[in-house]
Amino acid sequence: MSGQAATVAELIDDATARIASTLGLQRREARLEARVLIGHTLGVDHAWLIAHDRDQPTPAQRDAIASLTVRRAAGEPVAYLLGKREFFGLNFAVTPAVLIPRPETELLVQLALERIPTDQDRSVLDLGTGSGAVALALAVHRPLARILAVDRSPTALEVARDNATSLGLRNLEFLLSDWYTGLGVKNFDIIVANPPYIATGDAHLEHGDLRFEPREALQSEDGGLADIRRIVAGAPAHLRPGGWLLLEHGFDQGNACQRTMREQGYTQISTRMDLAGHGRVTLGCAGYTPLCDDFQP
């Protein structure tokens, strides 16, 4: 293809072919990615690309498209190339300092929302907030809730703060802390967490988007359960009577999470399935209290 007079349609075809061949994607998926990258570069939407497929972008625009195509063909995630990702109906800025929000994590948000009344004040702790996707989605949908978002990475907290500012949110705060270490005696009605749960050295870490995401936010010792066990063990000291802990985990870790919660005295323990039918979130009420039994999930 001659780059000097390339049309929008030709640029899409070229990017599609490159992405499909190097990443092993089906052409339809590769074409969708090509359209997203080119639309982002040109600052236009999907409809514009169709209506203006014979237009010829400027040399600078063609160079920018070529650069993004090369980076995507090398495996760099689309979310990092665009600098944003949609989650729970909201747009979040993302950088290589944070995990890319994924659809399965929306289950964690939905289950937490079910336990936060719309007309009452509740305090919520989000452990390992990353981009802030979970905490900010809760803050948007439960404006009366008071949310504390915690992360041990200063860079991740900066991304989360920027996202909160973009959304104009005022009902949450941020704290630099390694899980509970910086909390002091603070306690909460609900604790949510999407901790690292991939086993250290797992082969999946060398494939796909995971290669580019922060390793410390992905992997954990003890077969991926070390951080989950720390969170489960520490939560009762920071949960009010009847408070709930909700944990996202790997598709095959539900039984282990339930066992860990039972050993720590949680009640009303269950594991909920994601849209793919995999156990994705395990939750429990800290200690026996009538407030646990009163809740109807």
C-alpha atoms as a PDB file:
ATOM      1  CA  MET A   1       0.000   0.000   0.000  1.00  0.00           C
ATOM      2  CA  SER A   2       1.303   3.463  -0.853  1.00  0.00           C
ATOM      3  CA  GLY A   3       1.307   5.510   2.325  1.00  0.00           C
ATOM      4  CA  GLN A   4       1.372   8.817   0.438  1.00  0.00           C
ATOM      5  CA  ALA A   5      -2.217   8.660  -0.765  1.00  0.00           C
ATOM      6  CA  ALA A   6      -3.762   6.160   1.586  1.00  0.00           C
ATOM      7  CA  THR A   7      -7.467   6.530   2.208  1.00  0.00           C
ATOM      8  CA  VAL A   8      -9.227   5.796   5.478  1.00  0.00           C
ATOM      9  CA  ALA A   9     -10.491   2.503   4.044  1.00  0.00           C
ATOM     10  CA  GLU A  10      -6.991   1.487   2.968  1.00  0.00           C
ATOM     11  CA  LEU A  11      -5.530   2.345   6.356  1.00  0.00           C
ATOM     12  CA  ILE A  12      -8.195   0.239   8.066  1.00  0.00           C
ATOM     13  CA  ASP A  13      -7.513  -2.690   5.738  1.00  0.00           C
ATOM     14  CA  ASP A  14      -3.764  -2.453   6.284  1.00  0.00           C
ATOM     15  CA  ALA A  15      -4.059  -2.209  10.091  1.00  0.00           C
ATOM     16  CA  THR A  16      -6.532  -5.100  10.113  1.00  0.00           C
ATOM     17  CA  ALA A  17      -4.162  -7.351   8.190  1.00  0.00           C
ATOM     18  CA  ARG A  18      -1.194  -6.505  10.401  1.00  0.00           C
ATOM     19  CA  ILE A  19      -3.060  -6.995  13.674  1.00  0.00           C
ATOM     20  CA  ALA A  20      -4.743 -10.218  12.544  1.00  0.00           C
ATOM     21  CA  SER A  21      -1.541 -11.827  11.285  1.00  0.00           C
ATOM     22  CA  THR A  22       0.685 -10.968  14.239  1.00  0.00           C
ATOM     23  CA  LEU A  23      -1.793 -11.529  17.076  1.00  0.00           C
ATOM     24  CA  GLY A  24      -3.662 -14.454  15.547  1.00  0.00           C
ATOM     25  CA  LEU A  25      -7.012 -12.682  15.795  1.00  0.00           C
ATOM     26  CA  GLN A  26      -9.954 -13.380  13.542  1.00  0.00           C
ATOM     27  CA  ARG A  27     -10.307 -10.726  10.860  1.00  0.00           C
ATOM     28  CA  ARG A  28     -13.557  -9.374  12.301  1.00  0.00           C
ATOM     29  CA  GLU A  29     -11.970  -8.773  15.708  1.00  0.00           C
ATOM     30  CA  ALA A  30      -8.825  -7.313  14.171  1.00  0.00           C
ATOM     31  CA  ARG A  31     -10.892  -4.974  11.990  1.00  0.00           C
ATOM     32  CA  LEU A  32     -12.801  -3.735  15.032  1.00  0.00           C
ATOM     33  CA  GLU A  33      -9.520  -2.953  16.771  1.00  0.00           C
ATOM     34  CA  ALA A  34      -8.198  -1.208  13.654  1.00  0.00           C
ATOM     35  CA  ARG A  35     -11.302   0.980  13.482  1.00  0.00           C
ATOM     36  CA  VAL A  36     -10.997   1.863  17.171  1.00  0.00           C
ATOM     37  CA  LEU A  37      -7.329   2.845  16.839  1.00  0.00           C
ATOM     38  CA  ILE A  38      -7.845   4.867  13.667  1.00  0.00           C
ATOM     39  CA  GLY A  39     -10.970   6.561  14.985  1.00  0.00           C
ATOM     40  CA  HIS A  40      -9.051   7.486  18.129  1.00  0.00           C
ATOM     41  CA  THR A  41      -6.179   8.940  16.101  1.00  0.00           C
ATOM     42  CA  LEU A  42      -8.483  10.983  13.870  1.00  0.00           C
ATOM     43  CA  GLY A  43     -10.794  11.987  16.721  1.00  0.00           C
ATOM     44  CA  VAL A  44     -13.877  10.579  14.986  1.00  0.00           C
ATOM     45  CA  ASP A  45     -16.494   7.912  15.618  1.00  0.00           C
ATOM     46  CA  HIS A  46     -17.407   4.717  13.787  1.00  0.00           C
ATOM     47  CA  ALA A  47     -20.051   6.406  11.632  1.00  0.00           C
ATOM     48  CA  TRP A  48     -17.545   9.008  10.414  1.00  0.00           C
ATOM     49  CA  LEU A  49     -15.114   6.283   9.349  1.00  0.00           C
ATOM     50  CA  ILE A  50     -17.837   4.717   7.188  1.00  0.00           C
ATOM     51  CA  ALA A  51     -19.018   7.999   5.675  1.00  0.00           C
ATOM     52  CA  HIS A  52     -15.479   9.246   4.974  1.00  0.00           C
ATOM     53  CA  ASP A  53     -13.748   6.032   3.958  1.00  0.00           C
ATOM     54  CA  ARG A  54     -12.281   7.697   0.836  1.00  0.00           C
ATOM     55  CA  ASP A  55     -10.795  10.623   2.736  1.00  0.00           C
ATOM     56  CA  GLN A  56      -7.015  10.839   2.883  1.00  0.00           C
ATOM     57  CA  PRO A  57      -5.618  11.571   6.350  1.00  0.00           C
ATOM     58  CA  THR A  58      -2.650  13.898   6.619  1.00  0.00           C
ATOM     59  CA  PRO A  59       0.899  12.498   6.675  1.00  0.00           C
ATOM     60  CA  ALA A  60       1.102  13.193  10.421  1.00  0.00           C
ATOM     61  CA  GLN A  61      -2.136  11.301  10.998  1.00  0.00           C
ATOM     62  CA  ARG A  62      -0.916   8.385   8.878  1.00  0.00           C
ATOM     63  CA  ASP A  63       2.308   8.247  10.873  1.00  0.00           C
ATOM     64  CA  ALA A  64       0.360   8.209  14.139  1.00  0.00           C
ATOM     65  CA  ILE A  65      -1.885   5.407  12.850  1.00  0.00           C
ATOM     66  CA  ALA A  66       1.151   3.413  11.737  1.00  0.00           C
ATOM     67  CA  SER A  67       2.746   3.825  15.168  1.00  0.00           C
ATOM     68  CA  LEU A  68      -0.350   2.617  17.015  1.00  0.00           C
ATOM     69  CA  THR A  69      -0.720  -0.302  14.603  1.00  0.00           C
ATOM     70  CA  VAL A  70       2.865  -1.422  15.209  1.00  0.00           C
ATOM     71  CA  ARG A  71       2.419  -1.192  18.969  1.00  0.00           C
ATOM     72  CA  ARG A  72      -0.842  -3.131  18.879  1.00  0.00           C
ATOM     73  CA  ALA A  73       0.685  -5.753  16.588  1.00  0.00           C
ATOM     74  CA  ALA A  74       3.392  -6.185  19.226  1.00  0.00           C
ATOM     75  CA  GLY A  75       0.649  -7.041  21.721  1.00  0.00           C
ATOM     76  CA  GLU A  76       0.288  -3.765  23.610  1.00  0.00           C
ATOM     77  CA  PRO A  77      -3.286  -3.600  24.978  1.00  0.00           C
ATOM     78  CA  VAL A  78      -5.763  -1.360  23.167  1.00  0.00           C
ATOM     79  CA  ALA A  79      -6.755   0.231  26.490  1.00  0.00           C
ATOM     80  CA  TYR A  80      -3.198   1.434  27.068  1.00  0.00           C
ATOM     81  CA  LEU A  81      -2.901   2.689  23.500  1.00  0.00           C
ATOM     82  CA  LEU A  82      -6.111   4.694  23.878  1.00  0.00           C
ATOM     83  CA  GLY A  83      -5.424   5.632  27.494  1.00  0.00           C
ATOM     84  CA  LYS A  84      -8.974   4.751  28.505  1.00  0.00           C
ATOM     85  CA  ARG A  85     -11.406   1.897  29.137  1.00  0.00           C
ATOM     86  CA  GLU A  86     -15.163   1.708  29.644  1.00  0.00           C
ATOM     87  CA  PHE A  87     -16.342  -0.015  32.845  1.00  0.00           C
ATOM     88  CA  PHE A  88     -19.836  -0.172  34.355  1.00  0.00           C
ATOM     89  CA  GLY A  89     -21.017   2.457  31.869  1.00  0.00           C
ATOM     90  CA  LEU A  90     -18.252   4.905  32.802  1.00  0.00           C
ATOM     91  CA  ASN A  91     -15.040   5.912  31.031  1.00  0.00           C
ATOM     92  CA  PHE A  92     -11.816   5.573  32.989  1.00  0.00           C
ATOM     93  CA  ALA A  93      -8.313   6.706  32.176  1.00  0.00           C
ATOM     94  CA  VAL A  94      -5.857   3.806  32.359  1.00  0.00           C
ATOM     95  CA  THR A  95      -2.086   3.651  32.166  1.00  0.00           C
ATOM     96  CA  PRO A  96       0.450   0.803  32.405  1.00  0.00           C
ATOM     97  CA  ALA A  97       0.571   1.588  36.151  1.00  0.00           C
ATOM     98  CA  VAL A  98      -2.873   0.027  36.681  1.00  0.00           C
ATOM     99  CA  LEU A  99      -4.775  -3.066  35.627  1.00  0.00           C
ATOM    100  CA  ILE A 100      -7.186  -2.729  32.736  1.00  0.00           C
ATOM    101  CA  PRO A 101     -10.774  -2.884  34.111  1.00  0.00           C
ATOM    102  CA  ARG A 102     -12.496  -6.031  32.863  1.00  0.00           C
ATOM    103  CA  PRO A 103     -16.180  -6.920  32.395  1.00  0.00           C
ATOM    104  CA  GLU A 104     -16.086  -9.749  34.950  1.00  0.00           C
ATOM    105  CA  THR A 105     -15.229  -7.256  37.689  1.00  0.00           C
ATOM    106  CA  GLU A 106     -18.600  -5.601  37.146  1.00  0.00           C
ATOM    107  CA  LEU A 107     -20.063  -8.498  39.156  1.00  0.00           C
ATOM    108  CA  LEU A 108     -18.098  -7.285  42.185  1.00  0.00           C
ATOM    109  CA  VAL A 109     -19.621  -3.824  41.771  1.00  0.00           C
ATOM    110  CA  GLN A 110     -23.144  -5.167  41.318  1.00  0.00           C
ATOM    111  CA  LEU A 111     -22.986  -7.372  44.416  1.00  0.00           C
ATOM    112  CA  ALA A 112     -21.647  -4.468  46.480  1.00  0.00           C
ATOM    113  CA  LEU A 113     -24.400  -2.155  45.228  1.00  0.00           C
ATOM    114  CA  GLU A 114     -26.988  -4.692  46.389  1.00  0.00           C
ATOM    115  CA  ARG A 115     -25.621  -4.254  49.913  1.00  0.00           C
ATOM    116  CA  ILE A 116     -25.493  -0.448  49.923  1.00  0.00           C
ATOM    117  CA  PRO A 117     -28.907   1.225  50.396  1.00  0.00           C
ATOM    118  CA  THR A 118     -29.679   4.104  48.052  1.00  0.00           C
ATOM    119  CA  ASP A 119     -31.134   6.224  50.842  1.00  0.00           C
ATOM    120  CA  GLN A 120     -28.677   5.629  53.691  1.00  0.00           C
ATOM    121  CA  ASP A 121     -25.103   6.507  54.549  1.00  0.00           C
ATOM    122  CA  ARG A 122     -22.679   3.570  54.332  1.00  0.00           C
ATOM    123  CA  SER A 123     -18.896   3.395  54.539  1.00  0.00           C
ATOM    124  CA  VAL A 124     -17.061   1.322  51.940  1.00  0.00           C
ATOM    125  CA  LEU A 125     -13.409   0.303  51.653  1.00  0.00           C
ATOM    126  CA  ASP A 126     -11.964  -0.610  48.244  1.00  0.00           C
ATOM    127  CA  LEU A 127      -8.666  -2.451  48.654  1.00  0.00           C
ATOM    128  CA  GLY A 128      -6.192  -2.303  45.776  1.00  0.00           C
ATOM    129  CA  THR A 129      -8.193   0.294  43.881  1.00  0.00           C
ATOM    130  CA  GLY A 130      -5.854   0.615  40.869  1.00  0.00           C
ATOM    131  CA  SER A 131      -7.560   2.883  38.331  1.00  0.00           C
ATOM    132  CA  GLY A 132     -10.369   3.382  40.846  1.00  0.00           C
ATOM    133  CA  ALA A 133     -12.909   1.652  38.604  1.00  0.00           C
ATOM    134  CA  VAL A 134     -14.698  -0.261  41.382  1.00  0.00           C
ATOM    135  CA  ALA A 135     -14.629   2.546  43.961  1.00  0.00           C
ATOM    136  CA  LEU A 136     -15.733   5.202  41.484  1.00  0.00           C
ATOM    137  CA  ALA A 137     -18.539   3.072  40.050  1.00  0.00           C
ATOM    138  CA  LEU A 138     -19.842   2.607  43.605  1.00  0.00           C
ATOM    139  CA  ALA A 139     -19.469   6.325  44.316  1.00  0.00           C
ATOM    140  CA  VAL A 140     -21.449   7.264  41.207  1.00  0.00           C
ATOM    141  CA  HIS A 141     -24.326   4.877  41.922  1.00  0.00           C
ATOM    142  CA  ARG A 142     -24.409   5.391  45.709  1.00  0.00           C
ATOM    143  CA  PRO A 143     -23.781   9.117  46.239  1.00  0.00           C
ATOM    144  CA  LEU A 144     -24.637   8.886  49.965  1.00  0.00           C
ATOM    145  CA  ALA A 145     -21.928   6.294  50.554  1.00  0.00           C
ATOM    146  CA  ARG A 146     -18.502   7.306  51.885  1.00  0.00           C
ATOM    147  CA  ILE A 147     -15.804   5.397  50.078  1.00  0.00           C
ATOM    148  CA  LEU A 148     -12.123   5.001  50.883  1.00  0.00           C
ATOM    149  CA  ALA A 149      -9.973   3.734  48.004  1.00  0.00           C
ATOM    150  CA  VAL A 150      -6.653   2.187  49.023  1.00  0.00           C
ATOM    151  CA  ASP A 151      -3.606   1.186  47.002  1.00  0.00           C
ATOM    152  CA  ARG A 152       0.059   0.620  47.796  1.00  0.00           C
ATOM    153  CA  SER A 153       1.145   2.202  44.495  1.00  0.00           C
ATOM    154  CA  PRO A 154       1.405   6.024  44.494  1.00  0.00           C
ATOM    155  CA  THR A 155       1.230   6.007  40.696  1.00  0.00           C
ATOM    156  CA  ALA A 156      -1.973   3.975  40.701  1.00  0.00           C
ATOM    157  CA  LEU A 157      -3.540   6.327  43.245  1.00  0.00           C
ATOM    158  CA  GLU A 158      -2.692   9.262  40.991  1.00  0.00           C
ATOM    159  CA  VAL A 159      -4.607   7.613  38.139  1.00  0.00           C
ATOM    160  CA  ALA A 160      -7.568   6.930  40.442  1.00  0.00           C
ATOM    161  CA  ARG A 161      -7.604  10.518  41.737  1.00  0.00           C
ATOM    162  CA  ASP A 162      -7.571  11.860  38.180  1.00  0.00           C
ATOM    163  CA  ASN A 163     -10.518   9.625  37.299  1.00  0.00           C
ATOM    164  CA  ALA A 164     -12.447  10.844  40.344  1.00  0.00           C
ATOM    165  CA  THR A 165     -11.780  14.446  39.330  1.00  0.00           C
ATOM    166  CA  SER A 166     -12.946  13.755  35.775  1.00  0.00           C
ATOM    167  CA  LEU A 167     -16.199  12.307  37.113  1.00  0.00           C
ATOM    168  CA  GLY A 168     -16.664  15.186  39.563  1.00  0.00           C
ATOM    169  CA  LEU A 169     -16.938  12.860  42.557  1.00  0.00           C
ATOM    170  CA  ARG A 170     -16.744  14.143  46.121  1.00  0.00           C
ATOM    171  CA  ASN A 171     -17.864  11.169  48.211  1.00  0.00           C
ATOM    172  CA  LEU A 172     -14.582   9.281  48.255  1.00  0.00           C
ATOM    173  CA  GLU A 173     -11.050   9.596  49.564  1.00  0.00           C
ATOM    174  CA  PHE A 174      -7.748   7.937  48.688  1.00  0.00           C
ATOM    175  CA  LEU A 175      -5.095   6.427  50.919  1.00  0.00           C
ATOM    176  CA  LEU A 176      -1.645   5.022  50.248  1.00  0.00           C
ATOM    177  CA  SER A 177      -1.614   1.724  52.146  1.00  0.00           C
ATOM    178  CA  ASP A 178      -0.543  -1.902  51.766  1.00  0.00           C
ATOM    179  CA  TRP A 179      -3.958  -3.460  52.371  1.00  0.00           C
ATOM    180  CA  TYR A 180      -4.927  -2.563  55.969  1.00  0.00           C
ATOM    181  CA  THR A 181      -1.580  -1.267  57.257  1.00  0.00           C
ATOM    182  CA  GLY A 182      -2.438   2.443  56.957  1.00  0.00           C
ATOM    183  CA  LEU A 183      -6.024   2.269  58.193  1.00  0.00           C
ATOM    184  CA  GLY A 184      -5.480   2.509  61.932  1.00  0.00           C
ATOM    185  CA  VAL A 185      -8.803   1.841  63.688  1.00  0.00           C
ATOM    186  CA  LYS A 186     -11.066   2.801  60.771  1.00  0.00           C
ATOM    187  CA  ASN A 187     -13.983   0.457  60.176  1.00  0.00           C
ATOM    188  CA  PHE A 188     -16.507   0.017  57.394  1.00  0.00           C
ATOM    189  CA  ASP A 189     -19.844  -1.485  56.459  1.00  0.00           C
ATOM    190  CA  ILE A 190     -18.473  -3.124  53.307  1.00  0.00           C
ATOM    191  CA  ILE A 191     -15.017  -4.092  52.068  1.00  0.00           C
ATOM    192  CA  VAL A 192     -14.483  -4.928  48.407  1.00  0.00           C
ATOM    193  CA  ALA A 193     -11.281  -6.115  46.783  1.00  0.00           C
ATOM    194  CA  ASN A 194      -9.968  -7.354  43.461  1.00  0.00           C
ATOM    195  CA  PRO A 195      -6.544  -8.500  44.691  1.00  0.00           C
ATOM    196  CA  PRO A 196      -3.730 -10.252  42.834  1.00  0.00           C
ATOM    197  CA  TYR A 197      -4.826 -13.875  42.449  1.00  0.00           C
ATOM    198  CA  ILE A 198      -2.759 -15.408  39.643  1.00  0.00           C
ATOM    199  CA  ALA A 199      -0.148 -17.836  40.934  1.00  0.00           C
ATOM    200  CA  THR A 200       3.397 -16.508  40.784  1.00  0.00           C
ATOM    201  CA  GLY A 201       5.058 -17.808  37.637  1.00  0.00           C
ATOM    202  CA  ASP A 202       1.792 -18.868  35.987  1.00  0.00           C
ATOM    203  CA  ALA A 203       2.285 -19.226  32.225  1.00  0.00           C
ATOM    204  CA  HIS A 204      -0.729 -16.999  31.533  1.00  0.00           C
ATOM    205  CA  LEU A 205       1.307 -14.021  32.740  1.00  0.00           C
ATOM    206  CA  GLU A 206       3.383 -14.271  29.559  1.00  0.00           C
ATOM    207  CA  HIS A 207       0.437 -14.068  27.164  1.00  0.00           C
ATOM    208  CA  GLY A 208      -1.936 -11.405  25.875  1.00  0.00           C
ATOM    209  CA  ASP A 209      -2.582  -8.169  27.745  1.00  0.00           C
ATOM    210  CA  LEU A 210      -1.189  -9.609  30.986  1.00  0.00           C
ATOM    211  CA  ARG A 211       2.363  -9.208  29.628  1.00  0.00           C
ATOM    212  CA  PHE A 212       1.966  -5.427  29.775  1.00  0.00           C
ATOM    213  CA  GLU A 213       0.028  -5.019  33.027  1.00  0.00           C
ATOM    214  CA  PRO A 214       1.702  -4.375  36.415  1.00  0.00           C
ATOM    215  CA  ARG A 215       2.898  -7.770  37.676  1.00  0.00           C
ATOM    216  CA  GLU A 216       2.469  -6.819  41.328  1.00  0.00           C
ATOM    217  CA  ALA A 217      -1.266  -6.286  40.727  1.00  0.00           C
ATOM    218  CA  LEU A 218      -1.659  -9.700  39.090  1.00  0.00           C
ATOM    219  CA  GLN A 219       0.350 -12.378  40.863  1.00  0.00           C
ATOM    220  CA  SER A 220       0.395 -13.684  44.407  1.00  0.00           C
ATOM    221  CA  GLU A 221       2.213 -16.418  46.317  1.00  0.00           C
ATOM    222  CA  ASP A 222       0.649 -19.656  47.614  1.00  0.00           C
ATOM    223  CA  GLY A 223      -0.966 -20.530  44.312  1.00  0.00           C
ATOM    224  CA  GLY A 224      -2.428 -17.047  43.970  1.00  0.00           C
ATOM    225  CA  LEU A 225      -4.126 -17.114  47.394  1.00  0.00           C
ATOM    226  CA  ALA A 226      -1.641 -15.279  49.641  1.00  0.00           C
ATOM    227  CA  ASP A 227      -3.196 -11.804  49.289  1.00  0.00           C
ATOM    228  CA  ILE A 228      -6.722 -13.191  49.439  1.00  0.00           C
ATOM    229  CA  ARG A 229      -5.891 -14.845  52.767  1.00  0.00           C
ATOM    230  CA  ARG A 230      -4.384 -11.624  54.122  1.00  0.00           C
ATOM    231  CA  ILE A 231      -7.504  -9.688  53.198  1.00  0.00           C
ATOM    232  CA  VAL A 232      -9.875 -12.275  54.668  1.00  0.00           C
ATOM    233  CA  ALA A 233      -7.902 -12.484  57.906  1.00  0.00           C
ATOM    234  CA  GLY A 234      -7.657  -8.721  58.355  1.00  0.00           C
ATOM    235  CA  ALA A 235     -11.184  -7.708  57.385  1.00  0.00           C
ATOM    236  CA  PRO A 236     -13.005  -8.495  60.686  1.00  0.00           C
ATOM    237  CA  ALA A 237     -10.915  -5.868  62.511  1.00  0.00           C
ATOM    238  CA  HIS A 238     -12.214  -3.251  60.088  1.00  0.00           C
ATOM    239  CA  LEU A 239     -15.809  -4.391  59.529  1.00  0.00           C
ATOM    240  CA  ARG A 240     -18.729  -3.174  61.612  1.00  0.00           C
ATOM    241  CA  PRO A 241     -21.181  -5.785  62.950  1.00  0.00           C
ATOM    242  CA  GLY A 242     -23.015  -7.229  59.987  1.00  0.00           C
ATOM    243  CA  GLY A 243     -20.402  -5.923  57.567  1.00  0.00           C
ATOM    244  CA  TRP A 244     -19.662  -7.710  54.302  1.00  0.00           C
ATOM    245  CA  LEU A 245     -16.443  -8.695  52.578  1.00  0.00           C
ATOM    246  CA  LEU A 246     -16.588  -9.229  48.803  1.00  0.00           C
ATOM    247  CA  LEU A 247     -13.597 -10.668  46.937  1.00  0.00           C
ATOM    248  CA  GLU A 248     -12.986 -11.176  43.242  1.00  0.00           C
ATOM    249  CA  HIS A 249     -10.825 -14.233  42.501  1.00  0.00           C
ATOM    250  CA  GLY A 250      -9.790 -16.712  39.840  1.00  0.00           C
ATOM    251  CA  PHE A 251     -12.334 -18.989  38.178  1.00  0.00           C
ATOM    252  CA  ASP A 252     -11.129 -22.030  40.167  1.00  0.00           C
ATOM    253  CA  GLN A 253     -10.558 -20.366  43.560  1.00  0.00           C
ATOM    254  CA  GLY A 254     -14.107 -20.153  44.892  1.00  0.00           C
ATOM    255  CA  ASN A 255     -13.862 -23.215  47.132  1.00  0.00           C
ATOM    256  CA  ALA A 256     -10.542 -22.074  48.578  1.00  0.00           C
ATOM    257  CA  CYS A 257     -11.962 -18.615  49.291  1.00  0.00           C
ATOM    258  CA  GLN A 258     -15.018 -20.096  50.990  1.00  0.00           C
ATOM    259  CA  ARG A 259     -12.834 -22.368  53.105  1.00  0.00           C
ATOM    260  CA  THR A 260     -10.645 -19.443  54.151  1.00  0.00           C
ATOM    261  CA  MET A 261     -13.707 -17.408  55.141  1.00  0.00           C
ATOM    262  CA  ARG A 262     -15.172 -20.291  57.158  1.00  0.00           C
ATOM    263  CA  GLU A 263     -11.880 -20.705  59.028  1.00  0.00           C
ATOM    264  CA  GLN A 264     -12.054 -17.006  59.967  1.00  0.00           C
ATOM    265  CA  GLY A 265     -15.642 -17.246  61.248  1.00  0.00           C
ATOM    266  CA  TYR A 266     -17.541 -15.548  58.415  1.00  0.00           C
ATOM    267  CA  THR A 267     -21.207 -16.414  57.846  1.00  0.00           C
ATOM    268  CA  GLN A 268     -23.567 -16.262  54.863  1.00  0.00           C
ATOM    269  CA  ILE A 269     -20.667 -17.309  52.625  1.00  0.00           C
ATOM    270  CA  SER A 270     -21.331 -17.841  48.918  1.00  0.00           C
ATOM    271  CA  THR A 271     -19.604 -17.695  45.556  1.00  0.00           C
ATOM    272  CA  ARG A 272     -21.316 -15.951  42.650  1.00  0.00           C
ATOM    273  CA  MET A 273     -20.886 -16.723  38.966  1.00  0.00           C
ATOM    274  CA  ASP A 274     -19.836 -14.298  36.250  1.00  0.00           C
ATOM    275  CA  LEU A 275     -21.518 -14.170  32.839  1.00  0.00           C
ATOM    276  CA  ALA A 276     -19.227 -16.938  31.586  1.00  0.00           C
ATOM    277  CA  GLY A 277     -20.482 -19.250  34.339  1.00  0.00           C
ATOM    278  CA  HIS A 278     -17.272 -19.131  36.371  1.00  0.00           C
ATOM    279  CA  GLY A 279     -17.153 -18.576  40.124  1.00  0.00           C
ATOM    280  CA  ARG A 280     -15.829 -15.019  40.269  1.00  0.00           C
ATOM    281  CA  VAL A 281     -16.786 -13.324  43.556  1.00  0.00           C
ATOM    282  CA  THR A 282     -16.933 -14.864  47.028  1.00  0.00           C
ATOM    283  CA  LEU A 283     -18.588 -12.942  49.837  1.00  0.00           C
ATOM    284  CA  GLY A 284     -19.266 -13.369  53.506  1.00  0.00           C
ATOM    285  CA  CYS A 285     -20.479 -11.550  56.596  1.00  0.00           C
ATOM    286  CA  ALA A 286     -17.889 -11.033  59.321  1.00  0.00           C
ATOM    287  CA  GLY A 287     -18.881 -12.959  62.428  1.00  0.00           C
ATOM    288  CA  TYR A 288     -22.351 -14.026  63.453  1.00  0.00           C
ATOM    289  CA  THR A 289     -24.836 -11.212  63.815  1.00  0.00           C
ATOM    290  CA  PRO A 290     -28.556 -10.893  63.125  1.00  0.00           C
ATOM    291  CA  LEU A 291     -27.673  -8.208  60.572  1.00  0.00           C
ATOM    292  CA  CYS A 292     -26.147 -10.938  58.405  1.00  0.00           C
ATOM    293  CA  ASP A 293     -29.262 -13.082  58.568  1.00  0.00           C
ATOM    294  CA  ASP A 294     -31.506 -10.078  57.893  1.00  0.00           C
ATOM    295  CA  PHE A 295     -29.908  -9.498  54.503  1.00  0.00           C
ATOM    296  CA  GLN A 296     -31.744 -11.063  51.582  1.00  0.00           C
ATOM    297  CA  PRO A 297     -29.290 -11.458  48.656  1.00  0.00           C
END
